Amino acid sequence: MSDIQIRALMQIDNLQPKFAAYNGATVQGSVPLSGDTVLIGEFAPGNGVFSLIDRALKASSVEATTQLVEREFGFFILRSPQMPRSVRRVTRCSQSLAQLCRTV
């Protein structure tokens, strides 16, 4: 697990209704709602996502909506229904994920 790389990491504040509806129709976990904040990321290798997402869920008040793990890449979406406080937590979560990737 020493070669974990962030391939993509994006935070969306104030999720719009159409994207929330589309995303909500395709997720297997917690359904994102309009106005939520979401963090979308992809890591390589795929199995590195498990420990990183576990740490992110324990460190903040986010919920997992999607987690897809393939051989080479792992993809996830985290959501936060509480805008003001959790936006900062999700941002810290993304920063800590980046830091974890460097140290793991």
N, C-alpha and C. Protein backbone atom coordinates (compact mmCIF):
# COMPACT_ATOMS: atom_id res chain seq x y z
N MET A 1 0.81 -1.19 0.00
CA MET A 1 0.00 0.00 0.00
C MET A 1 0.85 1.26 0.00
N SER A 2 2.09 1.16 -0.32
CA SER A 2 2.97 2.32 -0.27
C SER A 2 2.86 3.18 -1.52
N ASP A 3 2.23 2.69 -2.58
CA ASP A 3 2.14 3.45 -3.82
C ASP A 3 0.73 3.95 -4.11
N ILE A 4 0.00 4.37 -3.11
CA ILE A 4 -1.35 4.88 -3.33
C ILE A 4 -1.26 6.25 -3.98
N GLN A 5 -2.00 6.42 -5.07
CA GLN A 5 -2.01 7.68 -5.80
C GLN A 5 -3.43 8.21 -5.90
N ILE A 6 -3.59 9.51 -5.74
CA ILE A 6 -4.87 10.15 -5.98
C ILE A 6 -4.95 10.41 -7.49
N ARG A 7 -5.92 9.79 -8.13
CA ARG A 7 -6.12 10.02 -9.57
C ARG A 7 -7.08 11.18 -9.79
N ALA A 8 -8.07 11.33 -8.93
CA ALA A 8 -9.03 12.43 -9.02
C ALA A 8 -9.60 12.69 -7.63
N LEU A 9 -9.81 13.94 -7.29
CA LEU A 9 -10.41 14.31 -6.02
C LEU A 9 -11.14 15.63 -6.23
N MET A 10 -12.47 15.61 -6.05
CA MET A 10 -13.27 16.79 -6.33
C MET A 10 -14.34 16.97 -5.25
N GLN A 11 -14.49 18.18 -4.77
CA GLN A 11 -15.53 18.50 -3.80
C GLN A 11 -16.56 19.39 -4.47
N ILE A 12 -17.84 19.03 -4.32
CA ILE A 12 -18.94 19.84 -4.85
C ILE A 12 -19.77 20.35 -3.68
N ASP A 13 -19.81 21.65 -3.51
CA ASP A 13 -20.65 22.27 -2.48
C ASP A 13 -22.02 22.53 -3.09
N ASN A 14 -23.05 22.41 -2.29
CA ASN A 14 -24.41 22.73 -2.70
C ASN A 14 -24.81 21.95 -3.97
N LEU A 15 -24.95 20.67 -3.82
CA LEU A 15 -25.31 19.79 -4.92
C LEU A 15 -26.63 20.23 -5.54
N GLN A 16 -26.66 20.37 -6.85
CA GLN A 16 -27.85 20.83 -7.56
C GLN A 16 -28.88 19.71 -7.70
N PRO A 17 -30.17 20.05 -7.81
CA PRO A 17 -31.23 19.03 -7.80
C PRO A 17 -31.12 17.97 -8.90
N LYS A 18 -30.78 18.38 -10.13
CA LYS A 18 -30.71 17.40 -11.23
C LYS A 18 -29.57 16.41 -11.03
N PHE A 19 -28.41 16.90 -10.62
CA PHE A 19 -27.28 16.00 -10.40
C PHE A 19 -27.53 15.12 -9.19
N ALA A 20 -28.17 15.67 -8.16
CA ALA A 20 -28.51 14.87 -6.98
C ALA A 20 -29.48 13.76 -7.36
N ALA A 21 -30.46 14.06 -8.21
CA ALA A 21 -31.42 13.04 -8.64
C ALA A 21 -30.74 11.96 -9.48
N TYR A 22 -29.87 12.36 -10.40
CA TYR A 22 -29.14 11.38 -11.21
C TYR A 22 -28.25 10.51 -10.34
N ASN A 23 -27.50 11.15 -9.48
CA ASN A 23 -26.59 10.42 -8.61
C ASN A 23 -27.36 9.52 -7.65
N GLY A 24 -28.49 10.01 -7.14
CA GLY A 24 -29.31 9.22 -6.22
C GLY A 24 -29.89 7.97 -6.86
N ALA A 25 -30.10 8.02 -8.18
CA ALA A 25 -30.64 6.86 -8.89
C ALA A 25 -29.60 5.77 -9.11
N THR A 26 -28.34 6.10 -8.98
CA THR A 26 -27.29 5.14 -9.30
C THR A 26 -26.48 4.66 -8.10
N VAL A 27 -26.67 5.27 -6.92
CA VAL A 27 -25.86 4.90 -5.76
C VAL A 27 -26.40 3.66 -5.06
N GLN A 28 -25.53 3.01 -4.29
CA GLN A 28 -25.93 1.85 -3.52
C GLN A 28 -25.96 2.15 -2.02
N GLY A 29 -25.45 3.31 -1.63
CA GLY A 29 -25.40 3.65 -0.22
C GLY A 29 -26.35 4.78 0.11
N SER A 30 -25.89 5.73 0.90
CA SER A 30 -26.68 6.88 1.32
C SER A 30 -26.98 7.76 0.11
N VAL A 31 -28.24 8.12 -0.08
CA VAL A 31 -28.66 8.89 -1.26
C VAL A 31 -28.34 10.37 -1.06
N PRO A 32 -27.58 10.97 -1.98
CA PRO A 32 -27.29 12.40 -1.87
C PRO A 32 -28.53 13.22 -2.22
N LEU A 33 -28.72 14.32 -1.51
CA LEU A 33 -29.87 15.19 -1.72
C LEU A 33 -29.41 16.56 -2.21
N SER A 34 -30.34 17.28 -2.77
CA SER A 34 -30.04 18.63 -3.23
C SER A 34 -29.55 19.46 -2.05
N GLY A 35 -28.47 20.20 -2.26
CA GLY A 35 -27.90 21.03 -1.20
C GLY A 35 -26.78 20.35 -0.42
N ASP A 36 -26.60 19.05 -0.59
CA ASP A 36 -25.52 18.33 0.09
C ASP A 36 -24.17 18.74 -0.46
N THR A 37 -23.15 18.43 0.28
CA THR A 37 -21.78 18.55 -0.18
C THR A 37 -21.27 17.15 -0.44
N VAL A 38 -20.63 16.94 -1.60
CA VAL A 38 -20.11 15.61 -1.92
C VAL A 38 -18.62 15.70 -2.21
N LEU A 39 -17.93 14.63 -1.90
CA LEU A 39 -16.52 14.48 -2.20
C LEU A 39 -16.39 13.25 -3.08
N ILE A 40 -15.86 13.44 -4.28
CA ILE A 40 -15.73 12.36 -5.26
C ILE A 40 -14.24 12.11 -5.47
N GLY A 41 -13.82 10.86 -5.43
CA GLY A 41 -12.41 10.58 -5.59
C GLY A 41 -12.14 9.25 -6.25
N GLU A 42 -10.95 9.15 -6.82
CA GLU A 42 -10.49 7.90 -7.40
C GLU A 42 -9.03 7.70 -7.01
N PHE A 43 -8.71 6.49 -6.58
CA PHE A 43 -7.37 6.17 -6.14
C PHE A 43 -6.83 4.97 -6.91
N ALA A 44 -5.54 4.87 -6.95
CA ALA A 44 -4.88 3.69 -7.50
C ALA A 44 -3.89 3.21 -6.46
N PRO A 45 -3.75 1.95 -6.17
CA PRO A 45 -4.54 0.81 -6.65
C PRO A 45 -5.91 0.75 -5.98
N GLY A 46 -6.78 -0.07 -6.55
CA GLY A 46 -8.16 -0.13 -6.10
C GLY A 46 -8.34 -0.52 -4.65
N ASN A 47 -7.58 -1.50 -4.17
CA ASN A 47 -7.78 -1.96 -2.79
C ASN A 47 -7.29 -0.95 -1.75
N GLY A 48 -6.59 0.09 -2.15
CA GLY A 48 -6.17 1.13 -1.23
C GLY A 48 -7.33 1.98 -0.75
N VAL A 49 -8.45 1.93 -1.46
CA VAL A 49 -9.62 2.74 -1.09
C VAL A 49 -10.20 2.29 0.24
N PHE A 50 -10.17 1.00 0.53
CA PHE A 50 -10.80 0.49 1.74
C PHE A 50 -10.29 1.18 3.00
N SER A 51 -9.00 1.19 3.21
CA SER A 51 -8.45 1.78 4.44
C SER A 51 -8.58 3.30 4.45
N LEU A 52 -8.44 3.93 3.29
CA LEU A 52 -8.55 5.38 3.25
C LEU A 52 -9.97 5.85 3.54
N ILE A 53 -10.97 5.19 2.98
CA ILE A 53 -12.36 5.56 3.22
C ILE A 53 -12.74 5.24 4.66
N ASP A 54 -12.24 4.14 5.20
CA ASP A 54 -12.51 3.80 6.59
C ASP A 54 -12.02 4.91 7.50
N ARG A 55 -10.84 5.42 7.26
CA ARG A 55 -10.29 6.51 8.07
C ARG A 55 -11.10 7.80 7.88
N ALA A 56 -11.51 8.08 6.65
CA ALA A 56 -12.28 9.30 6.38
C ALA A 56 -13.64 9.26 7.07
N LEU A 57 -14.30 8.10 7.06
CA LEU A 57 -15.62 7.98 7.70
C LEU A 57 -15.52 8.11 9.21
N LYS A 58 -14.43 7.62 9.78
CA LYS A 58 -14.25 7.72 11.23
C LYS A 58 -13.82 9.12 11.66
N ALA A 59 -13.18 9.88 10.76
CA ALA A 59 -12.65 11.19 11.12
C ALA A 59 -13.65 12.32 10.93
N SER A 60 -14.78 12.07 10.29
CA SER A 60 -15.72 13.15 10.00
C SER A 60 -17.15 12.62 10.02
N SER A 61 -18.10 13.51 9.75
CA SER A 61 -19.51 13.12 9.78
C SER A 61 -20.06 12.89 8.37
N VAL A 62 -19.25 12.40 7.47
CA VAL A 62 -19.71 12.12 6.11
C VAL A 62 -20.31 10.73 6.03
N GLU A 63 -21.08 10.48 4.98
CA GLU A 63 -21.67 9.17 4.72
C GLU A 63 -21.22 8.70 3.35
N ALA A 64 -21.03 7.41 3.20
CA ALA A 64 -20.62 6.85 1.92
C ALA A 64 -21.84 6.63 1.04
N THR A 65 -21.76 7.10 -0.21
CA THR A 65 -22.84 6.83 -1.15
C THR A 65 -22.44 5.76 -2.15
N THR A 66 -21.20 5.81 -2.60
CA THR A 66 -20.72 4.87 -3.60
C THR A 66 -19.29 4.47 -3.28
N GLN A 67 -18.99 3.21 -3.47
CA GLN A 67 -17.62 2.72 -3.37
C GLN A 67 -17.47 1.59 -4.38
N LEU A 68 -16.64 1.81 -5.36
CA LEU A 68 -16.43 0.85 -6.42
C LEU A 68 -14.94 0.54 -6.48
N VAL A 69 -14.61 -0.72 -6.36
CA VAL A 69 -13.21 -1.12 -6.36
C VAL A 69 -12.96 -2.09 -7.51
N GLU A 70 -12.02 -1.73 -8.35
CA GLU A 70 -11.59 -2.59 -9.43
C GLU A 70 -10.14 -2.97 -9.18
N ARG A 71 -9.56 -3.69 -10.10
CA ARG A 71 -8.19 -4.16 -9.91
C ARG A 71 -7.20 -3.00 -9.81
N GLU A 72 -7.32 -2.04 -10.73
CA GLU A 72 -6.35 -0.95 -10.77
C GLU A 72 -6.79 0.30 -10.02
N PHE A 73 -8.10 0.58 -10.01
CA PHE A 73 -8.58 1.84 -9.46
C PHE A 73 -9.73 1.62 -8.49
N GLY A 74 -9.83 2.52 -7.53
CA GLY A 74 -10.95 2.53 -6.60
C GLY A 74 -11.63 3.88 -6.65
N PHE A 75 -12.96 3.89 -6.71
CA PHE A 75 -13.75 5.10 -6.85
C PHE A 75 -14.71 5.22 -5.68
N PHE A 76 -14.93 6.43 -5.18
CA PHE A 76 -15.87 6.61 -4.07
C PHE A 76 -16.56 7.96 -4.17
N ILE A 77 -17.73 8.04 -3.53
CA ILE A 77 -18.43 9.31 -3.33
C ILE A 77 -18.86 9.36 -1.87
N LEU A 78 -18.48 10.42 -1.19
CA LEU A 78 -18.91 10.68 0.18
C LEU A 78 -19.84 11.88 0.17
N ARG A 79 -20.85 11.88 1.06
CA ARG A 79 -21.77 13.01 1.13
C ARG A 79 -21.86 13.52 2.55
N SER A 80 -22.20 14.80 2.65
CA SER A 80 -22.42 15.41 3.94
C SER A 80 -23.71 16.22 3.88
N PRO A 81 -24.72 15.83 4.66
CA PRO A 81 -25.98 16.56 4.62
C PRO A 81 -25.98 17.89 5.38
N GLN A 82 -25.04 18.09 6.28
CA GLN A 82 -24.99 19.30 7.08
C GLN A 82 -24.01 20.28 6.45
N MET A 83 -24.53 21.27 5.75
CA MET A 83 -23.68 22.14 4.96
C MET A 83 -22.58 22.87 5.74
N PRO A 84 -22.88 23.82 6.64
CA PRO A 84 -21.82 24.68 7.14
C PRO A 84 -20.69 23.97 7.87
N ARG A 85 -21.02 23.13 8.82
CA ARG A 85 -19.97 22.47 9.61
C ARG A 85 -19.27 21.39 8.82
N SER A 86 -20.04 20.59 8.09
CA SER A 86 -19.45 19.44 7.42
C SER A 86 -18.66 19.81 6.18
N VAL A 87 -18.95 20.98 5.61
CA VAL A 87 -18.12 21.40 4.47
C VAL A 87 -16.68 21.50 4.92
N ARG A 88 -16.48 22.09 6.08
CA ARG A 88 -15.12 22.18 6.60
C ARG A 88 -14.56 20.80 6.91
N ARG A 89 -15.41 19.92 7.44
CA ARG A 89 -14.96 18.57 7.77
C ARG A 89 -14.63 17.78 6.51
N VAL A 90 -15.46 17.91 5.47
CA VAL A 90 -15.19 17.21 4.22
C VAL A 90 -13.91 17.74 3.59
N THR A 91 -13.71 19.07 3.66
CA THR A 91 -12.48 19.64 3.13
C THR A 91 -11.28 19.11 3.89
N ARG A 92 -11.40 19.08 5.22
CA ARG A 92 -10.31 18.51 6.01
C ARG A 92 -10.12 17.04 5.69
N CYS A 93 -11.24 16.35 5.45
CA CYS A 93 -11.19 14.94 5.10
C CYS A 93 -10.42 14.75 3.80
N SER A 94 -10.70 15.58 2.80
CA SER A 94 -10.00 15.45 1.52
C SER A 94 -8.52 15.77 1.69
N GLN A 95 -8.22 16.77 2.52
CA GLN A 95 -6.82 17.10 2.76
C GLN A 95 -6.13 15.98 3.52
N SER A 96 -6.83 15.37 4.47
CA SER A 96 -6.21 14.27 5.21
C SER A 96 -6.06 13.04 4.33
N LEU A 97 -6.99 12.83 3.39
CA LEU A 97 -6.82 11.73 2.44
C LEU A 97 -5.57 11.93 1.60
N ALA A 98 -5.38 13.16 1.14
CA ALA A 98 -4.17 13.45 0.35
C ALA A 98 -2.93 13.23 1.18
N GLN A 99 -2.97 13.64 2.44
CA GLN A 99 -1.82 13.45 3.32
C GLN A 99 -1.60 11.97 3.60
N LEU A 100 -2.70 11.22 3.82
CA LEU A 100 -2.58 9.79 4.04
C LEU A 100 -1.94 9.09 2.85
N CYS A 101 -2.30 9.54 1.66
CA CYS A 101 -1.75 8.92 0.46
C CYS A 101 -0.23 9.12 0.39
N ARG A 102 0.20 10.27 0.87
CA ARG A 102 1.64 10.51 0.85
C ARG A 102 2.38 9.69 1.89
N THR A 103 1.71 9.42 3.04
CA THR A 103 2.41 8.77 4.14
C THR A 103 2.25 7.26 4.15
N VAL A 104 1.19 6.74 3.52
CA VAL A 104 0.93 5.30 3.58
C VAL A 104 1.86 4.57 2.64
